[in-house]
Amino acid sequence: MTSTFNGNEDAALYGNRFATREVPTREFPARGMPALDAMRLVGEDLALEGDPARNLATFVTTWMEPEAQRIIAENLHRNFIDHAEYPRTAEIEQRCIRMLADLFHAPGETTGARTQGSSEAIMLGGLSLKWNWRTRRAAAGASASSPNLVFGGDVHVVWEKFCRYFDVEPRIVPLQPGKYTIGPEDVRAHIDENTIGVAAVLGTTFTGHKDDIAGINDLLVRIKHERGIDVPLHVDAASGGFVWPFLYPDSAWDFRLEQVRSINVSGHKFGLVYPGIGWLIFREKADLAEDLVFTENYLGKTDSTFTLNFSTGSAMVLAQYYNLVRYGRAGYTYIMKNMQANARVLGEKLAAMGQFELIGADEEQLPLVAFRLAADNGFDEFDLAWQLAAERGWMVPAYTLPPDAQQVTIMRALVKETMSREHVDTLARDIAEACATLAKKGGAHELERNRIITGPGH
């Protein structure tokens, strides 16, 4: 029997009609396609991406429990901002804010906001610092024309974005070789009457350590008493806010410190929620500048809004609440300690190879391993990152540190909830084998190495 080939009919009967045809990429399609075809088209594109389980660069959550995924799937259609129609979702947001304020030792009644990750939270926190500074300057009959913000070179790029977008002078404390966080001795010279605040980091994306937040707080307290300048402290706890309370509960970095007035944290990092969800928590209601809060009633109910965006999904707010009540303090502590234990094992295995220097492994740190090559072996960290990705599928970023430590190149392996001890053992073996391969061939080919996208991660 002779068979005939009819593309559309056979594709409908036997499989994907885009197996031998170009997919839509530029022109708006004139006609649609069956739902199954559209699903397969998207799925085949995504099949070319990396494996999230081997992505040790990202801080963002890549796994949640099936029950949490069900909550997310069943609530993707809810617009969070519509409190008139979805008042229970609004209540759940407030529950999360109150629970986080309690976790961060807020002294009394407080306020805050759900945000699209820590980037929006930082923008809002910075705006409140600026508005409150302007109020203080007006009360003193002084000019408010030259605001500045002090932070270290170890911050996320969003802090520089805030300064550029909202016309604030960034006073960036440079890092130094061997010193990758900042403390009071670095901050002191940059503070004056135009300083709207100091931003300190809890868990940097570069090495996983924290700034000397307690020391900076003590400096700001002294400045307030000796010079009459009240400079608030904002803690960027995007990564560390869900880690330090459980791994280092006695380490004071939060509202236990007098000058800490606001904290941001990413629920979609160690809060264990899919992207994107962040939180901004104020020490007390007075720390949120009133002029930044708007009221509206065109969704059927008078509501206050304090966000840069308006419409957004409810699903991740509900997923965050699920995690808070699902795990509690005991559960989060268990998970963080497991991650920390595996990170320490990985660090020990790398140190035992004799080829690597660990960065601050004996300090308070996120559950990760920051390391660099200890000697010139004919290849560098970028070569190793490429070799691991090309040969084993591991995404372990290599990157240079910010000025004035830009000559230092390090790597970072983030150990998350889904990385088991077996994965740690396998990664260590793969790193050793990659080093052996690179030593034999004298490094990676320059063109191949440049295909790797490197950076401190998000």
Protein backbone atom coordinates (compact mmCIF):
# COMPACT_ATOMS: atom_id res chain seq x y z
CA MET A 1 0.00 0.00 0.00
CA THR A 2 1.29 3.46 -0.88
CA SER A 3 1.08 6.02 1.91
CA THR A 4 0.55 9.71 1.27
CA PHE A 5 1.91 12.56 3.39
CA ASN A 6 -0.49 15.31 4.39
CA GLY A 7 1.36 17.50 6.90
CA ASN A 8 -1.51 18.94 8.90
CA GLU A 9 -3.69 15.82 8.91
CA ASP A 10 -0.82 13.47 9.76
CA ALA A 11 0.47 15.82 12.46
CA ALA A 12 -2.97 15.90 14.02
CA LEU A 13 -3.06 12.10 13.97
CA TYR A 14 0.54 11.18 14.77
CA GLY A 15 2.31 14.03 16.51
CA ASN A 16 3.79 17.52 16.59
CA ARG A 17 3.26 19.57 13.42
CA PHE A 18 6.34 21.67 14.30
CA ALA A 19 8.70 18.69 14.09
CA THR A 20 9.88 19.87 10.65
CA ARG A 21 8.53 23.42 10.51
CA GLU A 22 9.80 26.69 11.93
CA VAL A 23 7.95 27.88 14.98
CA PRO A 24 6.40 31.38 15.23
CA THR A 25 9.07 33.78 16.45
CA ARG A 26 8.50 37.22 14.90
CA GLU A 27 5.17 37.79 13.21
CA PHE A 28 1.93 37.70 15.14
CA PRO A 29 0.34 34.40 14.01
CA ALA A 30 -2.51 34.80 11.53
CA ARG A 31 -4.21 31.72 12.92
CA GLY A 32 -4.02 29.82 16.17
CA MET A 33 -3.35 26.14 16.76
CA PRO A 34 -4.81 23.34 18.86
CA ALA A 35 -4.12 23.54 22.58
CA LEU A 36 -2.05 20.34 22.52
CA ASP A 37 0.19 21.75 19.77
CA ALA A 38 0.71 24.98 21.69
CA MET A 39 1.57 23.07 24.85
CA ARG A 40 4.07 20.85 23.05
CA LEU A 41 5.62 23.82 21.30
CA VAL A 42 6.33 25.59 24.60
CA GLY A 43 7.43 22.37 26.27
CA GLU A 44 9.97 21.56 23.57
CA ASP A 45 11.49 25.02 23.91
CA LEU A 46 11.83 24.62 27.67
CA ALA A 47 13.39 21.18 27.27
CA LEU A 48 16.53 22.94 26.01
CA GLU A 49 17.03 24.80 29.30
CA GLY A 50 19.19 23.75 32.22
CA ASP A 51 18.12 21.42 35.01
CA PRO A 52 17.00 23.50 38.04
CA ALA A 53 18.29 20.79 40.39
CA ARG A 54 21.81 21.43 39.07
CA ASN A 55 21.54 25.20 39.07
CA LEU A 56 23.73 26.09 42.05
CA ALA A 57 23.88 29.74 40.98
CA THR A 58 20.33 30.82 41.71
CA PHE A 59 19.04 31.65 45.17
CA VAL A 60 15.47 31.35 43.93
CA THR A 61 13.30 28.42 45.01
CA THR A 62 13.04 25.65 42.41
CA TRP A 63 10.92 23.10 44.32
CA MET A 64 7.82 23.17 46.49
CA GLU A 65 5.65 20.48 48.01
CA PRO A 66 2.77 19.12 45.88
CA GLU A 67 0.24 20.60 48.31
CA ALA A 68 1.78 24.06 47.86
CA GLN A 69 1.78 23.62 44.09
CA ARG A 70 -1.91 22.78 44.25
CA ILE A 71 -2.66 25.98 46.20
CA ILE A 72 -0.68 27.95 43.61
CA ALA A 73 -2.42 26.33 40.64
CA GLU A 74 -5.89 26.85 42.14
CA ASN A 75 -5.29 30.56 42.78
CA LEU A 76 -3.42 31.81 39.74
CA HIS A 77 -6.57 33.58 38.59
CA ARG A 78 -6.94 35.79 41.69
CA ASN A 79 -5.79 39.40 41.44
CA PHE A 80 -4.18 40.12 44.78
CA ILE A 81 -4.90 43.85 44.70
CA ASP A 82 -8.68 43.32 44.50
CA HIS A 83 -9.30 43.25 48.25
CA ALA A 84 -13.02 43.88 47.81
CA GLU A 85 -13.49 40.56 46.05
CA TYR A 86 -10.72 38.62 47.80
CA PRO A 87 -10.66 39.88 51.41
CA ARG A 88 -9.32 36.63 52.84
CA THR A 89 -6.24 36.88 50.64
CA ALA A 90 -5.67 40.40 52.00
CA GLU A 91 -6.00 39.03 55.53
CA ILE A 92 -3.49 36.28 54.77
CA GLU A 93 -1.01 38.91 53.54
CA GLN A 94 -1.37 40.72 56.88
CA ARG A 95 -0.87 37.47 58.76
CA CYS A 96 2.42 36.93 56.90
CA ILE A 97 3.54 40.49 57.69
CA ARG A 98 2.75 40.05 61.38
CA MET A 99 4.51 36.69 61.53
CA LEU A 100 7.63 38.08 59.84
CA ALA A 101 7.61 41.10 62.14
CA ASP A 102 7.53 38.68 65.06
CA LEU A 103 10.35 36.63 63.53
CA PHE A 104 12.41 39.82 63.20
CA HIS A 105 11.68 40.92 66.81
CA ALA A 106 9.56 43.99 66.04
CA PRO A 107 8.90 45.70 69.39
CA GLY A 108 5.19 46.39 68.83
CA GLU A 109 2.55 47.12 66.22
CA THR A 110 4.09 47.36 62.78
CA THR A 111 3.24 47.43 59.10
CA GLY A 112 4.65 46.24 55.80
CA ALA A 113 3.84 45.07 52.30
CA ARG A 114 4.00 42.12 49.97
CA THR A 115 6.20 42.93 46.98
CA GLN A 116 7.43 41.44 43.73
CA GLY A 117 10.61 40.12 45.28
CA SER A 118 13.16 42.12 47.22
CA SER A 119 13.85 44.50 44.34
CA GLU A 120 10.47 46.19 44.75
CA ALA A 121 10.78 45.98 48.54
CA ILE A 122 14.12 47.79 48.39
CA MET A 123 12.73 50.49 46.12
CA LEU A 124 9.84 51.06 48.55
CA GLY A 125 12.08 50.93 51.59
CA GLY A 126 14.46 53.43 50.00
CA LEU A 127 11.62 55.76 49.10
CA SER A 128 10.39 55.74 52.69
CA LEU A 129 13.93 56.55 53.89
CA LYS A 130 14.03 59.49 51.49
CA TRP A 131 10.56 60.82 52.38
CA ASN A 132 11.20 60.58 56.12
CA TRP A 133 14.54 62.36 55.69
CA ARG A 134 12.82 65.17 53.81
CA THR A 135 10.31 65.48 56.65
CA ARG A 136 13.12 65.72 59.20
CA ARG A 137 14.92 68.34 57.10
CA ALA A 138 11.75 70.40 56.71
CA ALA A 139 11.16 70.31 60.46
CA ALA A 140 14.70 71.62 60.95
CA GLY A 141 14.20 74.34 58.34
CA ALA A 142 17.03 72.86 56.27
CA SER A 143 17.45 72.10 52.58
CA ALA A 144 16.47 68.67 51.28
CA SER A 145 18.10 68.99 47.88
CA SER A 146 21.05 66.58 48.17
CA PRO A 147 20.07 63.21 49.65
CA ASN A 148 22.64 60.43 49.84
CA LEU A 149 22.50 56.77 50.76
CA VAL A 150 25.42 54.77 52.17
CA PHE A 151 25.97 51.10 51.33
CA GLY A 152 28.78 48.70 50.51
CA GLY A 153 29.95 47.28 47.23
CA ASP A 154 28.54 43.94 48.38
CA VAL A 155 24.91 44.99 47.75
CA HIS A 156 22.64 43.79 44.98
CA VAL A 157 22.56 46.05 41.92
CA VAL A 158 19.00 47.16 42.81
CA TRP A 159 20.45 49.60 45.37
CA GLU A 160 22.31 51.44 42.64
CA LYS A 161 19.15 51.35 40.54
CA PHE A 162 17.20 52.96 43.37
CA CYS A 163 19.71 55.79 43.65
CA ARG A 164 19.69 56.45 39.91
CA TYR A 165 15.92 56.17 39.48
CA PHE A 166 15.04 58.33 42.49
CA ASP A 167 17.81 60.92 42.41
CA VAL A 168 19.82 59.91 45.46
CA GLU A 169 23.60 60.12 45.64
CA PRO A 170 25.05 56.63 46.17
CA ARG A 171 27.94 56.59 48.62
CA ILE A 172 29.35 53.16 47.92
CA VAL A 173 31.94 51.74 50.29
CA PRO A 174 34.43 49.77 48.18
CA LEU A 175 35.38 46.23 49.13
CA GLN A 176 38.96 45.08 49.64
CA PRO A 177 40.83 41.87 48.85
CA GLY A 178 40.13 39.57 51.79
CA LYS A 179 37.34 41.83 53.16
CA TYR A 180 34.09 41.33 51.29
CA THR A 181 31.61 42.98 53.68
CA ILE A 182 31.46 46.36 55.43
CA GLY A 183 31.43 47.58 59.03
CA PRO A 184 31.23 50.82 61.02
CA GLU A 185 34.80 51.84 60.24
CA ASP A 186 33.89 51.80 56.53
CA VAL A 187 30.64 53.73 56.93
CA ARG A 188 31.63 56.51 59.36
CA ALA A 189 33.29 58.91 56.91
CA HIS A 190 30.36 58.83 54.47
CA ILE A 191 27.61 59.98 56.84
CA ASP A 192 26.40 63.58 57.07
CA GLU A 193 23.16 65.51 57.56
CA ASN A 194 22.03 64.58 54.03
CA THR A 195 22.29 60.82 54.59
CA ILE A 196 18.82 59.32 54.26
CA GLY A 197 19.99 55.98 55.62
CA VAL A 198 22.54 53.20 55.61
CA ALA A 199 21.80 49.88 53.89
CA ALA A 200 23.48 46.77 55.29
CA VAL A 201 23.32 43.26 53.84
CA LEU A 202 22.40 40.04 55.63
CA GLY A 203 23.74 37.29 53.38
CA THR A 204 25.51 38.76 50.36
CA THR A 205 25.08 37.14 46.96
CA PHE A 206 28.87 37.21 46.53
CA THR A 207 30.06 35.18 49.53
CA GLY A 208 26.96 34.58 51.69
CA HIS A 209 28.21 36.59 54.68
CA LYS A 210 26.66 39.56 56.49
CA ASP A 211 27.84 43.09 57.00
CA ASP A 212 28.68 44.07 60.59
CA ILE A 213 25.10 45.19 61.14
CA ALA A 214 25.40 45.39 64.92
CA GLY A 215 28.56 47.49 64.63
CA ILE A 216 26.97 49.83 62.10
CA ASN A 217 23.94 50.19 64.37
CA ASP A 218 26.17 51.12 67.31
CA LEU A 219 27.91 53.74 65.16
CA LEU A 220 24.56 55.27 64.14
CA VAL A 221 23.42 55.37 67.77
CA ARG A 222 26.58 57.27 68.71
CA ILE A 223 26.15 59.69 65.80
CA LYS A 224 22.56 60.34 66.87
CA HIS A 225 23.61 61.17 70.43
CA GLU A 226 26.84 63.03 69.65
CA ARG A 227 25.94 64.87 66.42
CA GLY A 228 22.17 65.00 66.53
CA ILE A 229 21.86 63.21 63.16
CA ASP A 230 19.29 60.41 63.18
CA VAL A 231 20.32 58.02 60.39
CA PRO A 232 18.09 54.94 60.05
CA LEU A 233 19.44 51.53 59.12
CA HIS A 234 17.75 49.36 56.51
CA VAL A 235 18.70 45.68 56.43
CA ASP A 236 18.68 44.01 53.04
CA ALA A 237 17.86 40.50 54.25
CA ALA A 238 16.76 39.29 50.82
CA SER A 239 18.74 36.07 51.24
CA GLY A 240 19.45 35.94 54.95
CA GLY A 241 16.11 36.90 56.48
CA PHE A 242 14.86 33.31 56.39
CA VAL A 243 18.25 31.86 57.37
CA TRP A 244 19.72 33.77 60.33
CA PRO A 245 16.65 33.43 62.61
CA PHE A 246 16.96 29.63 62.35
CA LEU A 247 20.72 29.02 62.07
CA TYR A 248 21.98 31.92 64.20
CA PRO A 249 19.05 32.92 66.45
CA ASP A 250 21.30 34.73 68.95
CA SER A 251 22.93 36.91 66.30
CA ALA A 252 21.40 40.40 66.57
CA TRP A 253 20.84 42.00 63.16
CA ASP A 254 17.11 42.82 63.14
CA PHE A 255 14.72 45.05 65.12
CA ARG A 256 16.58 44.14 68.30
CA LEU A 257 18.97 46.88 67.13
CA GLU A 258 17.78 50.43 67.81
CA GLN A 259 18.48 52.01 64.41
CA VAL A 260 17.10 49.18 62.27
CA ARG A 261 13.88 50.70 60.93
CA SER A 262 13.04 48.47 57.96
CA ILE A 263 13.89 45.02 56.61
CA ASN A 264 13.28 43.39 53.25
CA VAL A 265 13.29 39.64 52.67
CA SER A 266 12.67 37.45 49.63
CA GLY A 267 10.05 34.81 50.21
CA HIS A 268 11.13 33.22 46.94
CA LYS A 269 14.63 32.54 48.21
CA PHE A 270 15.04 30.84 51.57
CA GLY A 271 11.38 31.49 52.31
CA LEU A 272 11.04 28.44 50.04
CA VAL A 273 8.35 29.92 47.74
CA TYR A 274 8.44 30.01 43.95
CA PRO A 275 9.15 33.44 42.38
CA GLY A 276 8.15 36.09 42.79
CA ILE A 277 7.35 37.14 46.31
CA GLY A 278 9.11 39.55 48.64
CA TRP A 279 8.31 41.31 51.87
CA LEU A 280 9.04 44.73 53.36
CA ILE A 281 8.63 45.01 57.13
CA PHE A 282 8.85 48.26 59.10
CA ARG A 283 9.85 48.51 62.74
CA GLU A 284 6.70 50.52 63.48
CA LYS A 285 4.00 52.25 61.51
CA ALA A 286 5.69 55.66 61.76
CA ASP A 287 8.61 54.34 59.69
CA LEU A 288 6.37 54.14 56.62
CA ALA A 289 6.10 57.65 55.21
CA GLU A 290 2.40 58.60 55.04
CA ASP A 291 2.77 60.41 51.71
CA LEU A 292 3.73 57.12 50.03
CA VAL A 293 0.42 55.47 50.91
CA PHE A 294 -2.46 55.96 48.45
CA THR A 295 -6.14 55.21 48.86
CA GLU A 296 -8.48 54.15 46.07
CA ASN A 297 -11.99 52.76 45.82
CA TYR A 298 -12.49 51.92 42.15
CA LEU A 299 -12.36 48.17 42.83
CA GLY A 300 -15.44 48.51 45.06
CA LYS A 301 -13.79 49.04 48.43
CA THR A 302 -11.63 51.81 49.87
CA ASP A 303 -8.13 50.41 50.18
CA SER A 304 -4.67 51.69 50.97
CA THR A 305 -1.91 50.76 48.55
CA PHE A 306 1.84 51.01 48.99
CA THR A 307 3.48 49.27 46.05
CA LEU A 308 5.12 50.25 42.78
CA ASN A 309 2.95 47.84 40.81
CA PHE A 310 -0.79 47.36 41.11
CA SER A 311 -2.27 44.14 39.77
CA THR A 312 -0.41 40.98 40.73
CA GLY A 313 -1.19 37.37 41.50
CA SER A 314 -2.36 36.08 44.86
CA ALA A 315 -0.85 32.63 44.49
CA MET A 316 2.59 33.28 45.96
CA VAL A 317 1.18 35.14 48.96
CA LEU A 318 -0.92 32.09 49.72
CA ALA A 319 2.07 29.82 49.11
CA GLN A 320 4.12 31.84 51.58
CA TYR A 321 1.45 31.50 54.23
CA TYR A 322 1.29 27.77 53.49
CA ASN A 323 5.03 27.49 54.21
CA LEU A 324 4.86 29.54 57.40
CA VAL A 325 2.11 27.39 58.90
CA ARG A 326 3.40 24.15 57.34
CA TYR A 327 6.94 24.42 58.73
CA GLY A 328 6.88 26.85 61.63
CA ARG A 329 10.11 27.66 63.44
CA ALA A 330 10.95 24.00 63.99
CA GLY A 331 10.47 23.08 60.33
CA TYR A 332 12.46 25.99 58.93
CA THR A 333 15.23 25.26 61.44
CA TYR A 334 15.34 21.61 60.36
CA ILE A 335 15.51 22.50 56.67
CA MET A 336 18.15 25.23 57.11
CA LYS A 337 20.33 22.99 59.28
CA ASN A 338 20.18 20.21 56.68
CA MET A 339 21.26 22.66 53.99
CA GLN A 340 24.03 23.99 56.22
CA ALA A 341 25.27 20.47 57.01
CA ASN A 342 25.52 19.58 53.32
CA ALA A 343 27.25 22.87 52.56
CA ARG A 344 29.85 22.11 55.20
CA VAL A 345 30.43 18.63 53.80
CA LEU A 346 30.93 20.09 50.32
CA GLY A 347 33.35 22.66 51.75
CA GLU A 348 35.32 19.95 53.52
CA LYS A 349 35.56 17.89 50.35
CA LEU A 350 36.77 20.88 48.32
CA ALA A 351 39.34 21.78 50.98
CA ALA A 352 40.60 18.18 51.03
CA MET A 353 41.39 18.37 47.31
CA GLY A 354 44.16 20.83 48.10
CA GLN A 355 43.33 23.03 45.12
CA PHE A 356 40.81 25.43 46.64
CA GLU A 357 40.62 28.21 49.22
CA LEU A 358 37.27 28.48 51.02
CA ILE A 359 35.93 32.00 51.63
CA GLY A 360 34.89 32.59 55.24
CA ALA A 361 33.74 29.06 55.97
CA ASP A 362 34.17 29.61 59.72
CA GLU A 363 31.87 32.67 59.80
CA GLU A 364 28.09 33.05 59.90
CA GLN A 365 27.10 32.32 56.33
CA LEU A 366 24.25 31.30 54.06
CA PRO A 367 24.12 27.57 53.24
CA LEU A 368 26.59 27.79 50.39
CA VAL A 369 30.26 27.30 49.63
CA ALA A 370 32.23 30.24 48.27
CA PHE A 371 35.65 29.17 47.01
CA ARG A 372 38.49 30.02 44.65
CA LEU A 373 41.48 28.25 43.19
CA ALA A 374 44.41 28.37 45.57
CA ALA A 375 47.10 28.35 42.88
CA ASP A 376 47.66 28.73 39.15
CA ASN A 377 47.08 25.29 37.70
CA GLY A 378 46.92 26.37 34.07
CA PHE A 379 43.21 27.13 34.29
CA ASP A 380 41.01 29.57 36.19
CA GLU A 381 37.58 29.68 37.83
CA PHE A 382 35.84 30.60 34.58
CA ASP A 383 37.38 27.53 32.92
CA LEU A 384 36.11 25.35 35.76
CA ALA A 385 32.61 26.82 35.56
CA TRP A 386 32.52 26.07 31.84
CA GLN A 387 33.85 22.54 32.26
CA LEU A 388 31.29 21.68 34.93
CA ALA A 389 28.44 23.00 32.79
CA ALA A 390 29.59 21.44 29.53
CA GLU A 391 30.57 18.05 30.91
CA ARG A 392 28.23 17.49 33.86
CA GLY A 393 25.41 20.04 33.59
CA TRP A 394 26.26 21.78 36.89
CA MET A 395 25.73 25.52 36.92
CA VAL A 396 28.34 26.78 39.40
CA PRO A 397 28.99 30.46 38.68
CA ALA A 398 32.38 32.11 38.52
CA TYR A 399 32.53 35.89 38.91
CA THR A 400 34.72 38.77 39.93
CA LEU A 401 34.02 40.73 43.10
CA PRO A 402 33.06 44.44 43.10
CA PRO A 403 35.67 47.24 43.38
CA ASP A 404 38.17 47.41 45.01
CA ALA A 405 38.35 43.63 45.08
CA GLN A 406 37.62 43.21 41.38
CA GLN A 407 40.86 41.28 40.80
CA VAL A 408 39.48 38.47 42.99
CA THR A 409 37.55 35.74 41.16
CA ILE A 410 35.50 33.26 43.14
CA MET A 411 32.94 30.52 42.61
CA ARG A 412 29.83 29.77 44.61
CA ALA A 413 27.83 26.58 45.06
CA LEU A 414 24.47 27.18 46.69
CA VAL A 415 23.24 24.18 48.67
CA LYS A 416 19.45 24.21 48.65
CA GLU A 417 16.72 22.02 50.08
CA THR A 418 16.73 19.68 47.08
CA MET A 419 20.50 19.05 47.16
CA SER A 420 20.98 15.76 49.00
CA ARG A 421 24.18 14.34 50.44
CA GLU A 422 24.45 12.10 47.38
CA HIS A 423 24.28 15.19 45.17
CA VAL A 424 27.03 16.80 47.26
CA ASP A 425 29.25 13.75 46.86
CA THR A 426 28.60 13.66 43.12
CA LEU A 427 29.31 17.37 42.70
CA ALA A 428 32.59 17.05 44.59
CA ARG A 429 33.68 14.15 42.36
CA ASP A 430 32.67 16.08 39.26
CA ILE A 431 34.66 19.13 40.38
CA ALA A 432 37.73 16.96 40.97
CA GLU A 433 37.35 15.33 37.54
CA ALA A 434 36.81 18.70 35.86
CA CYS A 435 40.01 20.01 37.44
CA ALA A 436 41.91 16.94 36.22
CA THR A 437 40.56 17.38 32.69
CA LEU A 438 41.44 21.07 32.63
CA ALA A 439 44.93 20.42 33.96
CA LYS A 440 45.57 18.00 31.10
CA LYS A 441 44.30 20.27 28.34
CA GLY A 442 45.53 23.55 29.82
CA GLY A 443 42.21 25.27 30.44
CA ALA A 444 39.04 25.66 28.43
CA HIS A 445 38.98 27.00 24.88
CA GLU A 446 38.51 30.78 25.08
CA LEU A 447 35.49 30.81 22.75
CA GLU A 448 33.75 28.01 24.66
CA ARG A 449 34.40 29.65 28.03
CA ASN A 450 32.85 32.91 26.89
CA ARG A 451 29.55 31.17 26.25
CA ILE A 452 29.02 30.75 29.98
CA ILE A 453 26.93 33.49 31.57
CA THR A 454 28.53 34.21 34.91
CA GLY A 455 27.67 36.48 37.78
CA PRO A 456 26.83 36.50 41.46
CA GLY A 457 23.29 35.26 40.85
CA HIS A 458 19.88 36.31 42.19
